[in-house]
């Protein structure tokens, strides 16, 4: 598996071309879709409406694990404490 619940993940492949490059929050397993398609599917949420494969728009949907790659970096819950200095 590429992702796990709580990850931020970028869509790297999709039948809906406009969703490639969109960052999604992985909410959890989509058991119904996983059983139906025979591979891991996730419930995901984006910060803006994205197009579903049926043409509708929503902020929540499903995505195959193999179409997602986790975004590296600090977990969402961590605070960044580095000071940023303004240019003189």
PDB file of N, CA and C in Angstrom:
ATOM      1  N   UNK A   1       0.829  -1.181   0.000  1.00  0.00           N
ATOM      2  CA  UNK A   1       0.000   0.000   0.000  1.00  0.00           C
ATOM      3  C   UNK A   1       0.876   1.248   0.000  1.00  0.00           C
ATOM      4  N   UNK A   2       0.418   2.259  -0.705  1.00  0.00           N
ATOM      5  CA  UNK A   2       1.122   3.540  -0.743  1.00  0.00           C
ATOM      6  C   UNK A   2       0.731   4.442   0.420  1.00  0.00           C
ATOM      7  N   UNK A   3      -0.556   4.405   0.805  1.00  0.00           N
ATOM      8  CA  UNK A   3      -1.095   5.384   1.748  1.00  0.00           C
ATOM      9  C   UNK A   3      -1.706   4.706   2.962  1.00  0.00           C
ATOM     10  N   UNK A   4      -1.994   5.542   3.958  1.00  0.00           N
ATOM     11  CA  UNK A   4      -2.717   5.092   5.138  1.00  0.00           C
ATOM     12  C   UNK A   4      -3.625   6.239   5.585  1.00  0.00           C
ATOM     13  N   UNK A   5      -4.657   5.937   6.382  1.00  0.00           N
ATOM     14  CA  UNK A   5      -5.546   7.000   6.856  1.00  0.00           C
ATOM     15  C   UNK A   5      -4.759   8.100   7.566  1.00  0.00           C
ATOM     16  N   UNK A   6      -5.127   9.327   7.279  1.00  0.00           N
ATOM     17  CA  UNK A   6      -4.462  10.491   7.854  1.00  0.00           C
ATOM     18  C   UNK A   6      -3.403  11.099   6.957  1.00  0.00           C
ATOM     19  N   UNK A   7      -2.947  10.351   5.952  1.00  0.00           N
ATOM     20  CA  UNK A   7      -1.948  10.876   5.018  1.00  0.00           C
ATOM     21  C   UNK A   7      -2.533  11.963   4.131  1.00  0.00           C
ATOM     22  N   UNK A   8      -1.680  12.893   3.721  1.00  0.00           N
ATOM     23  CA  UNK A   8      -1.973  13.752   2.585  1.00  0.00           C
ATOM     24  C   UNK A   8      -1.317  13.074   1.398  1.00  0.00           C
ATOM     25  N   UNK A   9      -2.048  12.950   0.307  1.00  0.00           N
ATOM     26  CA  UNK A   9      -1.525  12.227  -0.851  1.00  0.00           C
ATOM     27  C   UNK A   9      -1.861  12.976  -2.131  1.00  0.00           C
ATOM     28  N   UNK A  10      -0.939  12.927  -3.069  1.00  0.00           N
ATOM     29  CA  UNK A  10      -1.148  13.561  -4.368  1.00  0.00           C
ATOM     30  C   UNK A  10      -1.624  12.503  -5.357  1.00  0.00           C
ATOM     31  N   UNK A  11      -2.605  12.872  -6.167  1.00  0.00           N
ATOM     32  CA  UNK A  11      -3.113  11.961  -7.196  1.00  0.00           C
ATOM     33  C   UNK A  11      -2.130  11.981  -8.359  1.00  0.00           C
ATOM     34  N   UNK A  12      -1.540  10.825  -8.657  1.00  0.00           N
ATOM     35  CA  UNK A  12      -0.532  10.734  -9.717  1.00  0.00           C
ATOM     36  C   UNK A  12      -1.082  10.123 -11.003  1.00  0.00           C
ATOM     37  N   UNK A  13      -2.253   9.513 -10.931  1.00  0.00           N
ATOM     38  CA  UNK A  13      -2.897   8.950 -12.120  1.00  0.00           C
ATOM     39  C   UNK A  13      -4.390   8.910 -11.853  1.00  0.00           C
ATOM     40  N   UNK A  14      -5.188   9.080 -12.884  1.00  0.00           N
ATOM     41  CA  UNK A  14      -6.641   9.077 -12.729  1.00  0.00           C
ATOM     42  C   UNK A  14      -7.294   9.029 -14.095  1.00  0.00           C
ATOM     43  N   UNK A  15      -8.472   8.401 -14.149  1.00  0.00           N
ATOM     44  CA  UNK A  15      -9.264   8.462 -15.379  1.00  0.00           C
ATOM     45  C   UNK A  15      -9.790   9.878 -15.582  1.00  0.00           C
ATOM     46  N   UNK A  16      -9.903  10.636 -14.494  1.00  0.00           N
ATOM     47  CA  UNK A  16     -10.318  12.043 -14.560  1.00  0.00           C
ATOM     48  C   UNK A  16      -9.033  12.870 -14.555  1.00  0.00           C
ATOM     49  N   UNK A  17      -8.570  13.222 -15.747  1.00  0.00           N
ATOM     50  CA  UNK A  17      -7.258  13.857 -15.933  1.00  0.00           C
ATOM     51  C   UNK A  17      -7.086  15.110 -15.076  1.00  0.00           C
ATOM     52  N   UNK A  18      -8.141  15.903 -14.902  1.00  0.00           N
ATOM     53  CA  UNK A  18      -8.011  17.158 -14.151  1.00  0.00           C
ATOM     54  C   UNK A  18      -7.712  16.931 -12.669  1.00  0.00           C
ATOM     55  N   UNK A  19      -7.876  15.705 -12.168  1.00  0.00           N
ATOM     56  CA  UNK A  19      -7.579  15.418 -10.761  1.00  0.00           C
ATOM     57  C   UNK A  19      -6.115  15.057 -10.525  1.00  0.00           C
ATOM     58  N   UNK A  20      -5.359  14.822 -11.592  1.00  0.00           N
ATOM     59  CA  UNK A  20      -3.940  14.515 -11.432  1.00  0.00           C
ATOM     60  C   UNK A  20      -3.239  15.763 -10.891  1.00  0.00           C
ATOM     61  N   UNK A  21      -2.506  15.582  -9.803  1.00  0.00           N
ATOM     62  CA  UNK A  21      -1.822  16.692  -9.151  1.00  0.00           C
ATOM     63  C   UNK A  21      -2.571  17.271  -7.968  1.00  0.00           C
ATOM     64  N   UNK A  22      -3.821  16.876  -7.778  1.00  0.00           N
ATOM     65  CA  UNK A  22      -4.605  17.368  -6.647  1.00  0.00           C
ATOM     66  C   UNK A  22      -4.167  16.625  -5.385  1.00  0.00           C
ATOM     67  N   UNK A  23      -4.065  17.361  -4.266  1.00  0.00           N
ATOM     68  CA  UNK A  23      -3.718  16.761  -2.980  1.00  0.00           C
ATOM     69  C   UNK A  23      -5.006  16.419  -2.242  1.00  0.00           C
ATOM     70  N   UNK A  24      -5.058  15.184  -1.732  1.00  0.00           N
ATOM     71  CA  UNK A  24      -6.212  14.681  -0.998  1.00  0.00           C
ATOM     72  C   UNK A  24      -5.785  14.251   0.397  1.00  0.00           C
ATOM     73  N   UNK A  25      -6.699  14.367   1.352  1.00  0.00           N
ATOM     74  CA  UNK A  25      -6.521  13.766   2.667  1.00  0.00           C
ATOM     75  C   UNK A  25      -7.118  12.367   2.598  1.00  0.00           C
ATOM     76  N   UNK A  26      -6.365  11.361   3.024  1.00  0.00           N
ATOM     77  CA  UNK A  26      -6.858   9.986   3.050  1.00  0.00           C
ATOM     78  C   UNK A  26      -7.651   9.810   4.343  1.00  0.00           C
ATOM     79  N   UNK A  27      -8.973   9.599   4.198  1.00  0.00           N
ATOM     80  CA  UNK A  27      -9.858   9.509   5.357  1.00  0.00           C
ATOM     81  C   UNK A  27      -9.914   8.104   5.939  1.00  0.00           C
ATOM     82  N   UNK A  28      -9.950   7.103   5.084  1.00  0.00           N
ATOM     83  CA  UNK A  28     -10.044   5.729   5.568  1.00  0.00           C
ATOM     84  C   UNK A  28     -10.363   4.780   4.438  1.00  0.00           C
ATOM     85  N   UNK A  29     -10.439   3.508   4.789  1.00  0.00           N
ATOM     86  CA  UNK A  29     -10.723   2.454   3.823  1.00  0.00           C
ATOM     87  C   UNK A  29     -12.132   2.606   3.246  1.00  0.00           C
ATOM     88  N   UNK A  30     -12.274   2.418   1.954  1.00  0.00           N
ATOM     89  CA  UNK A  30     -13.590   2.324   1.315  1.00  0.00           C
ATOM     90  C   UNK A  30     -13.821   0.837   1.059  1.00  0.00           C
ATOM     91  N   UNK A  31     -14.375   0.152   2.059  1.00  0.00           N
ATOM     92  CA  UNK A  31     -14.514  -1.309   2.019  1.00  0.00           C
ATOM     93  C   UNK A  31     -15.354  -1.776   0.838  1.00  0.00           C
ATOM     94  N   UNK A  32     -16.427  -1.055   0.539  1.00  0.00           N
ATOM     95  CA  UNK A  32     -17.300  -1.445  -0.574  1.00  0.00           C
ATOM     96  C   UNK A  32     -16.543  -1.402  -1.902  1.00  0.00           C
ATOM     97  N   UNK A  33     -15.841  -0.307  -2.160  1.00  0.00           N
ATOM     98  CA  UNK A  33     -15.086  -0.172  -3.415  1.00  0.00           C
ATOM     99  C   UNK A  33     -13.917  -1.154  -3.456  1.00  0.00           C
ATOM    100  N   UNK A  34     -13.249  -1.364  -2.326  1.00  0.00           N
ATOM    101  CA  UNK A  34     -12.138  -2.314  -2.272  1.00  0.00           C
ATOM    102  C   UNK A  34     -12.619  -3.714  -2.634  1.00  0.00           C
ATOM    103  N   UNK A  35     -13.760  -4.130  -2.074  1.00  0.00           N
ATOM    104  CA  UNK A  35     -14.318  -5.458  -2.383  1.00  0.00           C
ATOM    105  C   UNK A  35     -14.759  -5.537  -3.838  1.00  0.00           C
ATOM    106  N   UNK A  36     -15.383  -4.480  -4.332  1.00  0.00           N
ATOM    107  CA  UNK A  36     -15.902  -4.475  -5.706  1.00  0.00           C
ATOM    108  C   UNK A  36     -14.779  -4.524  -6.744  1.00  0.00           C
ATOM    109  N   UNK A  37     -13.758  -3.690  -6.565  1.00  0.00           N
ATOM    110  CA  UNK A  37     -12.690  -3.576  -7.562  1.00  0.00           C
ATOM    111  C   UNK A  37     -11.543  -4.559  -7.339  1.00  0.00           C
ATOM    112  N   UNK A  38     -11.439  -5.118  -6.137  1.00  0.00           N
ATOM    113  CA  UNK A  38     -10.392  -6.091  -5.859  1.00  0.00           C
ATOM    114  C   UNK A  38      -9.032  -5.498  -5.558  1.00  0.00           C
ATOM    115  N   UNK A  39      -8.978  -4.207  -5.261  1.00  0.00           N
ATOM    116  CA  UNK A  39      -7.731  -3.557  -4.850  1.00  0.00           C
ATOM    117  C   UNK A  39      -8.076  -2.464  -3.855  1.00  0.00           C
ATOM    118  N   UNK A  40      -7.078  -2.020  -3.094  1.00  0.00           N
ATOM    119  CA  UNK A  40      -7.307  -1.045  -2.031  1.00  0.00           C
ATOM    120  C   UNK A  40      -7.839   0.275  -2.583  1.00  0.00           C
ATOM    121  N   UNK A  41      -8.974   0.697  -2.041  1.00  0.00           N
ATOM    122  CA  UNK A  41      -9.561   2.005  -2.360  1.00  0.00           C
ATOM    123  C   UNK A  41      -9.754   2.769  -1.060  1.00  0.00           C
ATOM    124  N   UNK A  42      -9.569   4.058  -1.139  1.00  0.00           N
ATOM    125  CA  UNK A  42      -9.680   4.940   0.025  1.00  0.00           C
ATOM    126  C   UNK A  42     -10.817   5.937  -0.149  1.00  0.00           C
ATOM    127  N   UNK A  43     -11.395   6.346   0.979  1.00  0.00           N
ATOM    128  CA  UNK A  43     -12.253   7.527   1.008  1.00  0.00           C
ATOM    129  C   UNK A  43     -11.291   8.703   1.159  1.00  0.00           C
ATOM    130  N   UNK A  44     -11.453   9.710   0.317  1.00  0.00           N
ATOM    131  CA  UNK A  44     -10.540  10.853   0.313  1.00  0.00           C
ATOM    132  C   UNK A  44     -11.324  12.162   0.318  1.00  0.00           C
ATOM    133  N   UNK A  45     -10.643  13.233   0.750  1.00  0.00           N
ATOM    134  CA  UNK A  45     -11.256  14.571   0.765  1.00  0.00           C
ATOM    135  C   UNK A  45     -10.233  15.566   0.243  1.00  0.00           C
ATOM    136  N   UNK A  46     -10.712  16.505  -0.571  1.00  0.00           N
ATOM    137  CA  UNK A  46      -9.850  17.576  -1.086  1.00  0.00           C
ATOM    138  C   UNK A  46     -10.304  18.906  -0.496  1.00  0.00           C
ATOM    139  N   UNK A  47      -9.477  19.920  -0.651  1.00  0.00           N
ATOM    140  CA  UNK A  47      -9.810  21.242  -0.110  1.00  0.00           C
ATOM    141  C   UNK A  47     -10.743  22.027  -1.029  1.00  0.00           C
ATOM    142  N   UNK A  48     -10.933  21.525  -2.241  1.00  0.00           N
ATOM    143  CA  UNK A  48     -11.845  22.177  -3.197  1.00  0.00           C
ATOM    144  C   UNK A  48     -12.596  21.083  -3.952  1.00  0.00           C
ATOM    145  N   UNK A  49     -13.737  21.403  -4.527  1.00  0.00           N
ATOM    146  CA  UNK A  49     -14.467  20.376  -5.282  1.00  0.00           C
ATOM    147  C   UNK A  49     -13.633  19.827  -6.437  1.00  0.00           C
ATOM    148  N   UNK A  50     -13.673  18.514  -6.579  1.00  0.00           N
ATOM    149  CA  UNK A  50     -13.018  17.832  -7.691  1.00  0.00           C
ATOM    150  C   UNK A  50     -14.056  16.977  -8.401  1.00  0.00           C
ATOM    151  N   UNK A  51     -13.761  16.625  -9.633  1.00  0.00           N
ATOM    152  CA  UNK A  51     -14.712  15.857 -10.442  1.00  0.00           C
ATOM    153  C   UNK A  51     -14.595  14.369 -10.121  1.00  0.00           C
ATOM    154  N   UNK A  52     -15.742  13.742  -9.895  1.00  0.00           N
ATOM    155  CA  UNK A  52     -15.808  12.292  -9.709  1.00  0.00           C
ATOM    156  C   UNK A  52     -15.893  11.619 -11.072  1.00  0.00           C
ATOM    157  N   UNK A  53     -15.682  10.316 -11.104  1.00  0.00           N
ATOM    158  CA  UNK A  53     -15.703   9.595 -12.387  1.00  0.00           C
ATOM    159  C   UNK A  53     -17.078   9.622 -13.047  1.00  0.00           C
ATOM    160  N   UNK A  54     -18.142   9.897 -12.261  1.00  0.00           N
ATOM    161  CA  UNK A  54     -19.486   9.995 -12.853  1.00  0.00           C
ATOM    162  C   UNK A  54     -19.807  11.414 -13.326  1.00  0.00           C
ATOM    163  N   UNK A  55     -18.836  12.329 -13.205  1.00  0.00           N
ATOM    164  CA  UNK A  55     -19.018  13.696 -13.691  1.00  0.00           C
ATOM    165  C   UNK A  55     -19.478  14.687 -12.641  1.00  0.00           C
ATOM    166  N   UNK A  56     -19.918  14.208 -11.476  1.00  0.00           N
ATOM    167  CA  UNK A  56     -20.356  15.110 -10.415  1.00  0.00           C
ATOM    168  C   UNK A  56     -19.141  15.732  -9.732  1.00  0.00           C
ATOM    169  N   UNK A  57     -19.376  16.820  -9.015  1.00  0.00           N
ATOM    170  CA  UNK A  57     -18.313  17.510  -8.289  1.00  0.00           C
ATOM    171  C   UNK A  57     -18.556  17.352  -6.793  1.00  0.00           C
ATOM    172  N   UNK A  58     -17.495  17.125  -6.028  1.00  0.00           N
ATOM    173  CA  UNK A  58     -17.607  17.049  -4.572  1.00  0.00           C
ATOM    174  C   UNK A  58     -16.221  17.206  -3.954  1.00  0.00           C
ATOM    175  N   UNK A  59     -16.195  17.405  -2.640  1.00  0.00           N
ATOM    176  CA  UNK A  59     -14.902  17.476  -1.953  1.00  0.00           C
ATOM    177  C   UNK A  59     -14.512  16.112  -1.387  1.00  0.00           C
ATOM    178  N   UNK A  60     -15.463  15.173  -1.313  1.00  0.00           N
ATOM    179  CA  UNK A  60     -15.157  13.825  -0.846  1.00  0.00           C
ATOM    180  C   UNK A  60     -15.454  12.818  -1.934  1.00  0.00           C
ATOM    181  N   UNK A  61     -14.641  11.770  -1.973  1.00  0.00           N
ATOM    182  CA  UNK A  61     -14.841  10.730  -2.972  1.00  0.00           C
ATOM    183  C   UNK A  61     -14.004   9.518  -2.644  1.00  0.00           C
ATOM    184  N   UNK A  62     -13.683   8.739  -3.671  1.00  0.00           N
ATOM    185  CA  UNK A  62     -12.853   7.551  -3.479  1.00  0.00           C
ATOM    186  C   UNK A  62     -11.709   7.583  -4.467  1.00  0.00           C
ATOM    187  N   UNK A  63     -10.629   6.925  -4.081  1.00  0.00           N
ATOM    188  CA  UNK A  63      -9.451   6.843  -4.952  1.00  0.00           C
ATOM    189  C   UNK A  63      -8.758   5.514  -4.713  1.00  0.00           C
ATOM    190  N   UNK A  64      -8.226   4.957  -5.783  1.00  0.00           N
ATOM    191  CA  UNK A  64      -7.439   3.729  -5.680  1.00  0.00           C
ATOM    192  C   UNK A  64      -6.082   4.055  -5.066  1.00  0.00           C
ATOM    193  N   UNK A  65      -5.613   3.177  -4.210  1.00  0.00           N
ATOM    194  CA  UNK A  65      -4.313   3.372  -3.571  1.00  0.00           C
ATOM    195  C   UNK A  65      -3.203   3.543  -4.599  1.00  0.00           C
ATOM    196  N   UNK A  66      -3.260   2.776  -5.699  1.00  0.00           N
ATOM    197  CA  UNK A  66      -2.174   2.849  -6.690  1.00  0.00           C
ATOM    198  C   UNK A  66      -2.169   4.158  -7.472  1.00  0.00           C
ATOM    199  N   UNK A  67      -3.216   4.977  -7.348  1.00  0.00           N
ATOM    200  CA  UNK A  67      -3.255   6.290  -7.999  1.00  0.00           C
ATOM    201  C   UNK A  67      -2.756   7.414  -7.091  1.00  0.00           C
ATOM    202  N   UNK A  68      -2.404   7.092  -5.854  1.00  0.00           N
ATOM    203  CA  UNK A  68      -2.005   8.091  -4.862  1.00  0.00           C
ATOM    204  C   UNK A  68      -0.568   7.874  -4.409  1.00  0.00           C
ATOM    205  N   UNK A  69       0.113   8.976  -4.067  1.00  0.00           N
ATOM    206  CA  UNK A  69       1.439   8.921  -3.446  1.00  0.00           C
ATOM    207  C   UNK A  69       1.417   9.862  -2.253  1.00  0.00           C
ATOM    208  N   UNK A  70       1.855   9.390  -1.084  1.00  0.00           N
ATOM    209  CA  UNK A  70       1.872  10.263   0.089  1.00  0.00           C
ATOM    210  C   UNK A  70       2.781  11.466  -0.134  1.00  0.00           C
ATOM    211  N   UNK A  71       2.380  12.583   0.436  1.00  0.00           N
ATOM    212  CA  UNK A  71       3.188  13.799   0.383  1.00  0.00           C
ATOM    213  C   UNK A  71       4.110  13.768   1.594  1.00  0.00           C
ATOM    214  N   UNK A  72       5.410  13.860   1.376  1.00  0.00           N
ATOM    215  CA  UNK A  72       6.379  13.829   2.472  1.00  0.00           C
ATOM    216  C   UNK A  72       6.383  15.165   3.186  1.00  0.00           C
ATOM    217  N   UNK A  73       6.878  15.142   4.399  1.00  0.00           N
ATOM    218  CA  UNK A  73       7.002  16.374   5.156  1.00  0.00           C
ATOM    219  C   UNK A  73       6.437  16.207   6.544  1.00  0.00           C
ATOM    220  N   UNK A  74       6.169  17.318   7.175  1.00  0.00           N
ATOM    221  CA  UNK A  74       5.638  17.286   8.525  1.00  0.00           C
ATOM    222  C   UNK A  74       4.206  16.780   8.521  1.00  0.00           C
ATOM    223  N   UNK A  75       3.841  15.958   9.517  1.00  0.00           N
ATOM    224  CA  UNK A  75       2.431  15.599   9.648  1.00  0.00           C
ATOM    225  C   UNK A  75       1.603  16.860   9.874  1.00  0.00           C
ATOM    226  N   UNK A  76       0.352  16.821   9.490  1.00  0.00           N
ATOM    227  CA  UNK A  76      -0.518  17.992   9.574  1.00  0.00           C
ATOM    228  C   UNK A  76      -0.602  18.523  10.995  1.00  0.00           C
ATOM    229  N   UNK A  77      -0.533  17.662  12.012  1.00  0.00           N
ATOM    230  CA  UNK A  77      -0.707  18.077  13.398  1.00  0.00           C
ATOM    231  C   UNK A  77       0.535  18.750  13.985  1.00  0.00           C
ATOM    232  N   UNK A  78       1.694  18.618  13.350  1.00  0.00           N
ATOM    233  CA  UNK A  78       2.925  19.198  13.888  1.00  0.00           C
ATOM    234  C   UNK A  78       2.977  20.703  13.646  1.00  0.00           C
ATOM    235  N   UNK A  79       3.551  21.399  14.624  1.00  0.00           N
ATOM    236  CA  UNK A  79       3.769  22.837  14.476  1.00  0.00           C
ATOM    237  C   UNK A  79       5.170  23.071  13.933  1.00  0.00           C
ATOM    238  N   UNK A  80       5.303  24.028  13.063  1.00  0.00           N
ATOM    239  CA  UNK A  80       6.613  24.421  12.557  1.00  0.00           C
ATOM    240  C   UNK A  80       7.115  25.535  13.457  1.00  0.00           C
ATOM    241  N   UNK A  81       8.310  25.336  14.032  1.00  0.00           N
ATOM    242  CA  UNK A  81       8.818  26.320  14.994  1.00  0.00           C
ATOM    243  C   UNK A  81       9.997  27.123  14.466  1.00  0.00           C
ATOM    244  N   UNK A  82      10.450  26.854  13.252  1.00  0.00           N
ATOM    245  CA  UNK A  82      11.564  27.617  12.687  1.00  0.00           C
ATOM    246  C   UNK A  82      11.139  29.064  12.479  1.00  0.00           C
ATOM    247  N   UNK A  83      12.038  29.972  12.853  1.00  0.00           N
ATOM    248  CA  UNK A  83      11.758  31.389  12.622  1.00  0.00           C
ATOM    249  C   UNK A  83      12.032  31.729  11.171  1.00  0.00           C
ATOM    250  N   UNK A  84      11.147  32.495  10.594  1.00  0.00           N
ATOM    251  CA  UNK A  84      11.324  32.985   9.230  1.00  0.00           C
ATOM    252  C   UNK A  84      11.634  34.465   9.334  1.00  0.00           C
ATOM    253  N   UNK A  85      12.748  34.861   8.739  1.00  0.00           N
ATOM    254  CA  UNK A  85      13.165  36.257   8.830  1.00  0.00           C
ATOM    255  C   UNK A  85      12.735  37.005   7.585  1.00  0.00           C
ATOM    256  N   UNK A  86      12.224  38.193   7.802  1.00  0.00           N
ATOM    257  CA  UNK A  86      11.833  39.083   6.712  1.00  0.00           C
ATOM    258  C   UNK A  86      13.089  39.634   6.051  1.00  0.00           C
ATOM    259  N   UNK A  87      13.082  39.781   4.730  1.00  0.00           N
ATOM    260  CA  UNK A  87      14.234  40.411   4.074  1.00  0.00           C
ATOM    261  C   UNK A  87      14.397  41.849   4.547  1.00  0.00           C
ATOM    262  N   UNK A  88      15.651  42.291   4.630  1.00  0.00           N
ATOM    263  CA  UNK A  88      15.938  43.649   5.115  1.00  0.00           C
ATOM    264  C   UNK A  88      15.556  44.685   4.093  1.00  0.00           C
TER     265      UNK A  88
END
